[in-house]
Amino acid sequence: MRPESTNGTSGGGLAVPMAWLCAEFLADQVLRTGGLVEPGSLEYRAGRETLALTVYLCGAEDCPAGVLTASRLDEWLSVTAYGHPWQEWVRDRMAERESLDLPGTDPDLDLARASWGWLERTELLAADLGDDADPWHPALPVDPAACEGAQVWTPAWRLGLPLGHLAVHLY
């Protein structure tokens, strides 16, 4: 039997996390279109979770499912840009949403919390791109001591963030 409503307000019935599902769908659509990594890989999941969290915290419930506007893409690009304090931004936005006094539990927020927990806990082996304090720039000389094969364990969000940003650029 189908619930009377799909937004979780049908008198104590099944709460459907439509904002989170919309954010996840949009993130998946953008990443698949970019074709940067193989769907099903951990790198893909890191990109999808990072981008879905970005989309959700930017207000996925405000946009109709599947509709991407230029202003929405620009917002995602600015939030995921290199140098933007994304991790702090996520923590602040999550705290804002948690501070709202909503009756009952929020299934969208529960899924966002689970996603953020996975992104923080999970570490992936990735290329060592150097210290964040001194980013490399094409105008700078190449460091001969740098080893292209060097890899480090990094939180999944650190790998997913540039992946999501590039996928939005390519969309």
C-alpha atoms as a PDB file:
ATOM      1  CA  MET A   1       0.000   0.000   0.000  1.00  0.00           C
ATOM      2  CA  ARG A   2       1.345   3.420  -0.931  1.00  0.00           C
ATOM      3  CA  PRO A   3       1.653   6.166   1.689  1.00  0.00           C
ATOM      4  CA  GLU A   4      -0.769   9.084   1.363  1.00  0.00           C
ATOM      5  CA  SER A   5       2.132  11.474   0.882  1.00  0.00           C
ATOM      6  CA  THR A   6       5.732  11.289  -0.278  1.00  0.00           C
ATOM      7  CA  ASN A   7       7.104  14.053   1.915  1.00  0.00           C
ATOM      8  CA  GLY A   8       6.897  12.345   5.278  1.00  0.00           C
ATOM      9  CA  THR A   9       4.010  14.393   6.690  1.00  0.00           C
ATOM     10  CA  SER A  10       1.208  11.880   6.244  1.00  0.00           C
ATOM     11  CA  GLY A  11       0.163  11.637   9.869  1.00  0.00           C
ATOM     12  CA  GLY A  12       2.963   9.516  11.311  1.00  0.00           C
ATOM     13  CA  GLY A  13       3.382   7.341   8.227  1.00  0.00           C
ATOM     14  CA  LEU A  14       6.552   6.519   6.399  1.00  0.00           C
ATOM     15  CA  ALA A  15       8.908   9.511   6.259  1.00  0.00           C
ATOM     16  CA  VAL A  16      10.482   9.665   2.807  1.00  0.00           C
ATOM     17  CA  PRO A  17      13.748  11.665   2.640  1.00  0.00           C
ATOM     18  CA  MET A  18      12.965  13.395  -0.656  1.00  0.00           C
ATOM     19  CA  ALA A  19      15.488  16.259  -0.264  1.00  0.00           C
ATOM     20  CA  TRP A  20      18.358  13.824   0.323  1.00  0.00           C
ATOM     21  CA  LEU A  21      17.242  11.466  -2.440  1.00  0.00           C
ATOM     22  CA  CYS A  22      17.013  14.405  -4.854  1.00  0.00           C
ATOM     23  CA  ALA A  23      20.507  15.565  -3.831  1.00  0.00           C
ATOM     24  CA  GLU A  24      21.905  12.062  -4.305  1.00  0.00           C
ATOM     25  CA  PHE A  25      20.218  11.724  -7.699  1.00  0.00           C
ATOM     26  CA  LEU A  26      21.612  15.064  -8.897  1.00  0.00           C
ATOM     27  CA  ALA A  27      25.107  14.228  -7.631  1.00  0.00           C
ATOM     28  CA  ASP A  28      24.994  10.850  -9.366  1.00  0.00           C
ATOM     29  CA  GLN A  29      23.765  12.441 -12.608  1.00  0.00           C
ATOM     30  CA  VAL A  30      26.544  15.051 -12.583  1.00  0.00           C
ATOM     31  CA  LEU A  31      29.284  12.505 -11.801  1.00  0.00           C
ATOM     32  CA  ARG A  32      28.110  10.005 -14.417  1.00  0.00           C
ATOM     33  CA  THR A  33      27.953  12.729 -17.053  1.00  0.00           C
ATOM     34  CA  GLY A  34      31.541  13.763 -16.238  1.00  0.00           C
ATOM     35  CA  GLY A  35      32.783  10.188 -16.626  1.00  0.00           C
ATOM     36  CA  LEU A  36      35.807  10.894 -14.430  1.00  0.00           C
ATOM     37  CA  VAL A  37      35.852   7.655 -12.436  1.00  0.00           C
ATOM     38  CA  GLU A  38      34.263   4.257 -12.735  1.00  0.00           C
ATOM     39  CA  PRO A  39      30.791   4.101 -11.141  1.00  0.00           C
ATOM     40  CA  GLY A  40      30.867   1.667  -8.256  1.00  0.00           C
ATOM     41  CA  SER A  41      34.423   2.516  -7.205  1.00  0.00           C
ATOM     42  CA  LEU A  42      35.243   3.994  -3.800  1.00  0.00           C
ATOM     43  CA  GLU A  43      36.455   7.134  -5.544  1.00  0.00           C
ATOM     44  CA  TYR A  44      33.075   7.458  -7.246  1.00  0.00           C
ATOM     45  CA  ARG A  45      31.268   7.001  -3.939  1.00  0.00           C
ATOM     46  CA  ALA A  46      33.478   9.656  -2.327  1.00  0.00           C
ATOM     47  CA  GLY A  47      32.632  12.072  -5.145  1.00  0.00           C
ATOM     48  CA  ARG A  48      28.923  11.259  -5.041  1.00  0.00           C
ATOM     49  CA  GLU A  49      28.648  11.547  -1.253  1.00  0.00           C
ATOM     50  CA  THR A  50      30.612  14.811  -1.216  1.00  0.00           C
ATOM     51  CA  LEU A  51      28.564  16.317  -4.011  1.00  0.00           C
ATOM     52  CA  ALA A  52      25.255  15.035  -2.580  1.00  0.00           C
ATOM     53  CA  LEU A  53      26.093  16.590   0.782  1.00  0.00           C
ATOM     54  CA  THR A  54      26.944  19.855  -0.967  1.00  0.00           C
ATOM     55  CA  VAL A  55      23.711  19.801  -2.969  1.00  0.00           C
ATOM     56  CA  TYR A  56      21.631  18.959   0.108  1.00  0.00           C
ATOM     57  CA  LEU A  57      23.210  21.636   2.300  1.00  0.00           C
ATOM     58  CA  CYS A  58      22.796  24.219  -0.477  1.00  0.00           C
ATOM     59  CA  GLY A  59      19.056  23.585  -0.360  1.00  0.00           C
ATOM     60  CA  ALA A  60      18.132  20.648  -2.583  1.00  0.00           C
ATOM     61  CA  GLU A  61      14.540  20.861  -1.368  1.00  0.00           C
ATOM     62  CA  ASP A  62      14.240  24.224  -3.135  1.00  0.00           C
ATOM     63  CA  CYS A  63      14.740  22.822  -6.628  1.00  0.00           C
ATOM     64  CA  PRO A  64      12.494  20.457  -8.555  1.00  0.00           C
ATOM     65  CA  ALA A  65      13.959  16.992  -9.082  1.00  0.00           C
ATOM     66  CA  GLY A  66      16.439  16.859 -11.929  1.00  0.00           C
ATOM     67  CA  VAL A  67      16.357  20.598 -12.690  1.00  0.00           C
ATOM     68  CA  LEU A  68      19.788  22.205 -12.681  1.00  0.00           C
ATOM     69  CA  THR A  69      20.044  25.951 -13.210  1.00  0.00           C
ATOM     70  CA  ALA A  70      23.206  27.904 -13.943  1.00  0.00           C
ATOM     71  CA  SER A  71      22.956  29.711 -10.605  1.00  0.00           C
ATOM     72  CA  ARG A  72      22.664  26.387  -8.753  1.00  0.00           C
ATOM     73  CA  LEU A  73      25.749  25.016 -10.561  1.00  0.00           C
ATOM     74  CA  ASP A  74      27.663  28.221  -9.815  1.00  0.00           C
ATOM     75  CA  GLU A  75      26.807  27.883  -6.134  1.00  0.00           C
ATOM     76  CA  TRP A  76      28.112  24.304  -6.070  1.00  0.00           C
ATOM     77  CA  LEU A  77      31.281  25.378  -7.877  1.00  0.00           C
ATOM     78  CA  SER A  78      31.974  28.139  -5.364  1.00  0.00           C
ATOM     79  CA  VAL A  79      31.361  25.856  -2.374  1.00  0.00           C
ATOM     80  CA  THR A  80      33.589  23.066  -3.728  1.00  0.00           C
ATOM     81  CA  ALA A  81      36.329  25.381  -5.049  1.00  0.00           C
ATOM     82  CA  TYR A  82      39.920  24.899  -3.967  1.00  0.00           C
ATOM     83  CA  GLY A  83      40.641  26.979  -0.912  1.00  0.00           C
ATOM     84  CA  HIS A  84      37.018  27.140   0.257  1.00  0.00           C
ATOM     85  CA  PRO A  85      36.779  25.747   3.816  1.00  0.00           C
ATOM     86  CA  TRP A  86      34.334  23.014   2.769  1.00  0.00           C
ATOM     87  CA  GLN A  87      34.757  20.884   5.884  1.00  0.00           C
ATOM     88  CA  GLU A  88      33.921  23.825   8.182  1.00  0.00           C
ATOM     89  CA  TRP A  89      31.083  24.862   5.867  1.00  0.00           C
ATOM     90  CA  VAL A  90      29.554  21.376   6.148  1.00  0.00           C
ATOM     91  CA  ARG A  91      29.863  21.370   9.934  1.00  0.00           C
ATOM     92  CA  ASP A  92      28.249  24.828  10.181  1.00  0.00           C
ATOM     93  CA  ARG A  93      25.373  23.924   7.852  1.00  0.00           C
ATOM     94  CA  MET A  94      24.753  20.633   9.629  1.00  0.00           C
ATOM     95  CA  ALA A  95      24.712  22.428  12.996  1.00  0.00           C
ATOM     96  CA  GLU A  96      22.212  24.969  11.595  1.00  0.00           C
ATOM     97  CA  ARG A  97      19.898  22.193  10.413  1.00  0.00           C
ATOM     98  CA  GLU A  98      20.232  20.285  13.684  1.00  0.00           C
ATOM     99  CA  SER A  99      19.352  23.418  15.672  1.00  0.00           C
ATOM    100  CA  LEU A 100      15.968  23.733  13.954  1.00  0.00           C
ATOM    101  CA  ASP A 101      13.228  22.527  16.262  1.00  0.00           C
ATOM    102  CA  LEU A 102      11.387  20.183  13.931  1.00  0.00           C
ATOM    103  CA  PRO A 103       8.898  17.686  15.334  1.00  0.00           C
ATOM    104  CA  GLY A 104      10.137  14.098  15.130  1.00  0.00           C
ATOM    105  CA  THR A 105      13.241  12.999  13.318  1.00  0.00           C
ATOM    106  CA  ASP A 106      14.354  14.392   9.984  1.00  0.00           C
ATOM    107  CA  PRO A 107      15.156  11.467   7.651  1.00  0.00           C
ATOM    108  CA  ASP A 108      17.022  13.776   5.238  1.00  0.00           C
ATOM    109  CA  LEU A 109      19.285  15.017   8.015  1.00  0.00           C
ATOM    110  CA  ASP A 110      19.820  11.465   9.275  1.00  0.00           C
ATOM    111  CA  LEU A 111      21.075  10.400   5.834  1.00  0.00           C
ATOM    112  CA  ALA A 112      23.226  13.530   5.539  1.00  0.00           C
ATOM    113  CA  ARG A 113      24.768  12.748   8.949  1.00  0.00           C
ATOM    114  CA  ALA A 114      25.484   9.176   7.864  1.00  0.00           C
ATOM    115  CA  SER A 115      27.081  10.417   4.645  1.00  0.00           C
ATOM    116  CA  TRP A 116      29.238  12.962   6.485  1.00  0.00           C
ATOM    117  CA  GLY A 117      30.289  10.290   8.970  1.00  0.00           C
ATOM    118  CA  TRP A 118      31.373   7.992   6.135  1.00  0.00           C
ATOM    119  CA  LEU A 119      33.283  10.804   4.412  1.00  0.00           C
ATOM    120  CA  GLU A 120      35.170  11.671   7.606  1.00  0.00           C
ATOM    121  CA  ARG A 121      35.837   8.081   8.753  1.00  0.00           C
ATOM    122  CA  THR A 122      36.808   6.504   5.455  1.00  0.00           C
ATOM    123  CA  GLU A 123      40.315   6.996   4.151  1.00  0.00           C
ATOM    124  CA  LEU A 124      41.327   6.301   0.563  1.00  0.00           C
ATOM    125  CA  LEU A 125      44.790   5.791  -0.889  1.00  0.00           C
ATOM    126  CA  ALA A 126      45.398   8.678  -3.270  1.00  0.00           C
ATOM    127  CA  ALA A 127      48.244  10.466  -5.007  1.00  0.00           C
ATOM    128  CA  ASP A 128      50.197  12.741  -2.682  1.00  0.00           C
ATOM    129  CA  LEU A 129      49.501  16.206  -4.009  1.00  0.00           C
ATOM    130  CA  GLY A 130      51.715  17.868  -1.433  1.00  0.00           C
ATOM    131  CA  ASP A 131      51.039  20.222   1.420  1.00  0.00           C
ATOM    132  CA  ASP A 132      47.800  22.218   1.258  1.00  0.00           C
ATOM    133  CA  ALA A 133      49.588  25.268   2.659  1.00  0.00           C
ATOM    134  CA  ASP A 134      51.706  25.753  -0.481  1.00  0.00           C
ATOM    135  CA  PRO A 135      49.751  24.593  -3.562  1.00  0.00           C
ATOM    136  CA  TRP A 136      51.626  23.976  -6.763  1.00  0.00           C
ATOM    137  CA  HIS A 137      51.005  26.386  -9.623  1.00  0.00           C
ATOM    138  CA  PRO A 138      52.053  25.919 -13.283  1.00  0.00           C
ATOM    139  CA  ALA A 139      54.144  29.110 -13.108  1.00  0.00           C
ATOM    140  CA  LEU A 140      56.271  27.661 -10.292  1.00  0.00           C
ATOM    141  CA  PRO A 141      59.278  25.423 -10.992  1.00  0.00           C
ATOM    142  CA  VAL A 142      58.787  21.675 -10.680  1.00  0.00           C
ATOM    143  CA  ASP A 143      60.190  20.168  -7.496  1.00  0.00           C
ATOM    144  CA  PRO A 144      62.666  17.473  -8.638  1.00  0.00           C
ATOM    145  CA  ALA A 145      62.255  15.650  -5.306  1.00  0.00           C
ATOM    146  CA  ALA A 146      58.535  15.150  -5.870  1.00  0.00           C
ATOM    147  CA  CYS A 147      57.648  11.569  -6.674  1.00  0.00           C
ATOM    148  CA  GLU A 148      54.650  11.080  -8.940  1.00  0.00           C
ATOM    149  CA  GLY A 149      54.077   7.614  -7.529  1.00  0.00           C
ATOM    150  CA  ALA A 150      53.869   8.745  -3.895  1.00  0.00           C
ATOM    151  CA  GLN A 151      50.540   7.962  -2.275  1.00  0.00           C
ATOM    152  CA  VAL A 152      48.987   8.868   1.055  1.00  0.00           C
ATOM    153  CA  TRP A 153      45.862   7.910   2.978  1.00  0.00           C
ATOM    154  CA  THR A 154      43.398  10.765   2.874  1.00  0.00           C
ATOM    155  CA  PRO A 155      39.837  11.246   4.141  1.00  0.00           C
ATOM    156  CA  ALA A 156      37.272  10.380   1.468  1.00  0.00           C
ATOM    157  CA  TRP A 157      35.907  13.938   1.376  1.00  0.00           C
ATOM    158  CA  ARG A 158      39.350  15.302   0.394  1.00  0.00           C
ATOM    159  CA  LEU A 159      39.312  13.075  -2.688  1.00  0.00           C
ATOM    160  CA  GLY A 160      35.603  13.528  -3.400  1.00  0.00           C
ATOM    161  CA  LEU A 161      35.670  17.321  -3.217  1.00  0.00           C
ATOM    162  CA  PRO A 162      37.887  18.036  -6.263  1.00  0.00           C
ATOM    163  CA  LEU A 163      36.213  15.166  -8.110  1.00  0.00           C
ATOM    164  CA  GLY A 164      32.775  16.690  -7.501  1.00  0.00           C
ATOM    165  CA  HIS A 165      34.032  20.157  -8.406  1.00  0.00           C
ATOM    166  CA  LEU A 166      35.474  18.962 -11.707  1.00  0.00           C
ATOM    167  CA  ALA A 167      32.332  16.981 -12.512  1.00  0.00           C
ATOM    168  CA  VAL A 168      30.199  20.110 -11.987  1.00  0.00           C
ATOM    169  CA  HIS A 169      32.565  22.015 -14.303  1.00  0.00           C
ATOM    170  CA  LEU A 170      32.150  19.357 -16.983  1.00  0.00           C
ATOM    171  CA  TYR A 171      28.364  19.129 -16.623  1.00  0.00           C
END
